[in-house]
């Protein structure tokens, strides 16, 4: 351990911001956002909770507003591909989804934390094809062995694209 009681390999503190310094998260650009369940537990195996996460996500996207290109609820994490509109803040949208879904989790009998702190984001660059990224997100359950194809997985979708066309 070093002088300040931080592991020698650890280069950041527990409260390090995961956000890109100086970036305005209201920019109308596509963001691939991922967040996990607390301690990566398979809490989203419950279809009732997974469906609630989707419903709340859609409600918050409608309220924000934003374009929801893809979403995928995995047993221990969530992927979302969205682009805010009308100067809306992506960070606030995800925080609202996480807060509301935590309350639903408790209403369904869950205890303690549902989500890990924060979320990870990737701001798509101009050369990245949004349909290709959406397809990648929707294929997560196939790669994990949870579905035969992207169409058959019940906890993924898009409000922009038709899954069959991706």
Protein backbone atom coordinates (compact mmCIF):
# COMPACT_ATOMS: atom_id res chain seq x y z
CA UNK A 1 0.00 0.00 0.00
CA UNK A 2 1.19 3.50 -0.73
CA UNK A 3 1.31 6.40 1.70
CA UNK A 4 -2.29 7.42 1.07
CA UNK A 5 -3.64 3.88 1.60
CA UNK A 6 -4.43 3.36 -2.08
CA UNK A 7 -3.50 0.12 -3.79
CA UNK A 8 -0.27 0.76 -5.76
CA UNK A 9 -1.84 -0.31 -9.08
CA UNK A 10 -4.96 1.74 -8.62
CA UNK A 11 -4.61 4.97 -10.56
CA UNK A 12 -7.91 6.57 -9.60
CA UNK A 13 -10.04 7.08 -6.53
CA UNK A 14 -13.37 5.41 -5.87
CA UNK A 15 -15.22 8.63 -6.68
CA UNK A 16 -13.44 9.22 -10.00
CA UNK A 17 -15.82 10.58 -12.60
CA UNK A 18 -16.58 8.20 -15.43
CA UNK A 19 -17.62 11.11 -17.67
CA UNK A 20 -15.48 12.70 -20.35
CA UNK A 21 -14.13 15.97 -18.87
CA UNK A 22 -15.53 19.04 -20.57
CA UNK A 23 -18.00 17.16 -22.78
CA UNK A 24 -21.54 18.51 -22.97
CA UNK A 25 -23.78 15.45 -22.57
CA UNK A 26 -26.67 17.40 -24.06
CA UNK A 27 -25.02 17.20 -27.47
CA UNK A 28 -27.32 15.51 -29.96
CA UNK A 29 -24.97 12.65 -30.77
CA UNK A 30 -25.41 8.89 -30.39
CA UNK A 31 -24.18 7.48 -27.07
CA UNK A 32 -23.66 3.77 -26.35
CA UNK A 33 -24.28 3.54 -22.61
CA UNK A 34 -23.75 0.49 -20.42
CA UNK A 35 -24.39 0.01 -16.74
CA UNK A 36 -24.32 -3.06 -14.56
CA UNK A 37 -26.23 -4.47 -11.66
CA UNK A 38 -24.73 -4.16 -8.22
CA UNK A 39 -21.79 -6.56 -7.90
CA UNK A 40 -22.76 -7.88 -11.37
CA UNK A 41 -25.47 -10.07 -9.85
CA UNK A 42 -27.97 -11.64 -12.27
CA UNK A 43 -30.83 -9.53 -10.91
CA UNK A 44 -32.36 -8.92 -14.33
CA UNK A 45 -33.15 -12.62 -14.87
CA UNK A 46 -36.60 -11.80 -13.51
CA UNK A 47 -38.80 -11.15 -16.53
CA UNK A 48 -41.00 -8.86 -14.45
CA UNK A 49 -38.03 -6.66 -13.56
CA UNK A 50 -36.54 -6.78 -17.07
CA UNK A 51 -39.86 -5.71 -18.59
CA UNK A 52 -40.17 -2.92 -16.01
CA UNK A 53 -36.69 -1.67 -16.90
CA UNK A 54 -37.73 -1.52 -20.58
CA UNK A 55 -41.01 0.28 -19.80
CA UNK A 56 -39.28 2.85 -17.58
CA UNK A 57 -36.52 3.35 -20.15
CA UNK A 58 -39.10 4.04 -22.86
CA UNK A 59 -41.00 6.44 -20.60
CA UNK A 60 -37.86 8.40 -19.76
CA UNK A 61 -36.79 8.48 -23.42
CA UNK A 62 -40.20 9.92 -24.29
CA UNK A 63 -39.90 12.49 -21.54
CA UNK A 64 -36.31 13.46 -22.39
CA UNK A 65 -36.82 13.31 -25.52
CA UNK A 66 -34.23 11.17 -27.31
CA UNK A 67 -33.94 8.68 -30.13
CA UNK A 68 -33.58 5.16 -28.74
CA UNK A 69 -31.70 3.23 -31.42
CA UNK A 70 -31.22 0.07 -29.36
CA UNK A 71 -31.59 -1.35 -25.88
CA UNK A 72 -30.73 -4.74 -24.44
CA UNK A 73 -31.42 -5.93 -20.91
CA UNK A 74 -28.95 -8.67 -20.01
CA UNK A 75 -29.06 -10.63 -16.72
CA UNK A 76 -26.40 -8.43 -15.09
CA UNK A 77 -26.19 -5.28 -17.22
CA UNK A 78 -28.00 -2.96 -19.64
CA UNK A 79 -26.95 -1.57 -23.03
CA UNK A 80 -28.59 1.52 -24.53
CA UNK A 81 -27.85 3.37 -27.76
CA UNK A 82 -29.51 6.78 -27.76
CA UNK A 83 -29.18 10.34 -29.01
CA UNK A 84 -30.75 13.16 -27.00
CA UNK A 85 -32.83 15.81 -28.73
CA UNK A 86 -33.79 19.36 -27.77
CA UNK A 87 -30.69 19.97 -25.62
CA UNK A 88 -31.60 17.20 -23.16
CA UNK A 89 -29.00 15.69 -20.83
CA UNK A 90 -28.10 12.01 -21.29
CA UNK A 91 -26.72 11.80 -17.76
CA UNK A 92 -30.00 12.91 -16.19
CA UNK A 93 -31.96 10.48 -18.36
CA UNK A 94 -29.89 7.48 -17.27
CA UNK A 95 -29.96 8.62 -13.64
CA UNK A 96 -33.77 8.83 -13.81
CA UNK A 97 -34.01 5.33 -15.33
CA UNK A 98 -31.75 3.87 -12.66
CA UNK A 99 -33.60 5.62 -9.84
CA UNK A 100 -37.06 4.61 -11.01
CA UNK A 101 -36.05 1.02 -11.73
CA UNK A 102 -34.48 0.71 -8.29
CA UNK A 103 -37.83 1.68 -6.73
CA UNK A 104 -39.56 -0.92 -8.92
CA UNK A 105 -36.98 -3.51 -7.85
CA UNK A 106 -37.84 -2.79 -4.20
CA UNK A 107 -41.58 -2.95 -4.94
CA UNK A 108 -41.02 -6.39 -6.47
CA UNK A 109 -39.37 -7.58 -3.24
CA UNK A 110 -35.73 -6.86 -4.00
CA UNK A 111 -33.54 -5.45 -1.27
CA UNK A 112 -30.43 -3.32 -1.29
CA UNK A 113 -28.82 -1.86 -4.36
CA UNK A 114 -29.90 -2.76 -7.87
CA UNK A 115 -27.26 -0.87 -9.88
CA UNK A 116 -23.55 -0.22 -9.78
CA UNK A 117 -22.46 3.38 -9.38
CA UNK A 118 -22.50 5.42 -12.57
CA UNK A 119 -22.42 4.10 -16.10
CA UNK A 120 -20.00 3.78 -18.98
CA UNK A 121 -20.48 5.67 -22.19
CA UNK A 122 -19.01 5.66 -25.67
CA UNK A 123 -19.78 8.65 -27.85
CA UNK A 124 -20.07 7.38 -31.39
CA UNK A 125 -17.67 8.92 -33.84
CA UNK A 126 -18.73 10.09 -37.29
CA UNK A 127 -17.23 7.03 -39.00
CA UNK A 128 -19.17 4.58 -36.80
CA UNK A 129 -22.34 3.20 -38.37
CA UNK A 130 -25.25 3.57 -35.95
CA UNK A 131 -27.07 0.52 -37.40
CA UNK A 132 -23.95 -1.60 -36.95
CA UNK A 133 -23.63 -0.50 -33.31
CA UNK A 134 -27.35 -1.19 -32.76
CA UNK A 135 -26.91 -4.67 -34.28
CA UNK A 136 -23.91 -5.28 -32.00
CA UNK A 137 -25.98 -4.32 -28.92
CA UNK A 138 -28.94 -6.48 -29.96
CA UNK A 139 -26.61 -9.44 -30.59
CA UNK A 140 -25.36 -9.50 -26.98
CA UNK A 141 -27.83 -12.22 -25.91
CA UNK A 142 -26.84 -14.35 -28.93
CA UNK A 143 -23.14 -14.10 -28.05
CA UNK A 144 -24.00 -14.95 -24.42
CA UNK A 145 -26.00 -18.02 -25.47
CA UNK A 146 -29.31 -16.59 -24.23
CA UNK A 147 -31.00 -16.50 -27.65
CA UNK A 148 -30.72 -18.08 -31.09
CA UNK A 149 -30.98 -14.74 -32.89
CA UNK A 150 -31.56 -11.06 -32.14
CA UNK A 151 -35.24 -11.19 -33.04
CA UNK A 152 -36.17 -13.89 -30.52
CA UNK A 153 -34.68 -12.23 -27.43
CA UNK A 154 -37.61 -10.59 -25.57
CA UNK A 155 -35.66 -7.96 -23.60
CA UNK A 156 -34.15 -5.97 -26.44
CA UNK A 157 -35.39 -3.68 -29.14
CA UNK A 158 -35.35 -0.27 -30.75
CA UNK A 159 -37.70 2.65 -31.10
CA UNK A 160 -36.05 3.59 -34.41
CA UNK A 161 -35.17 0.36 -36.20
CA UNK A 162 -37.07 -2.86 -36.80
CA UNK A 163 -35.08 -5.72 -35.21
CA UNK A 164 -35.77 -7.90 -38.26
CA UNK A 165 -34.05 -5.33 -40.51
CA UNK A 166 -30.86 -5.24 -38.47
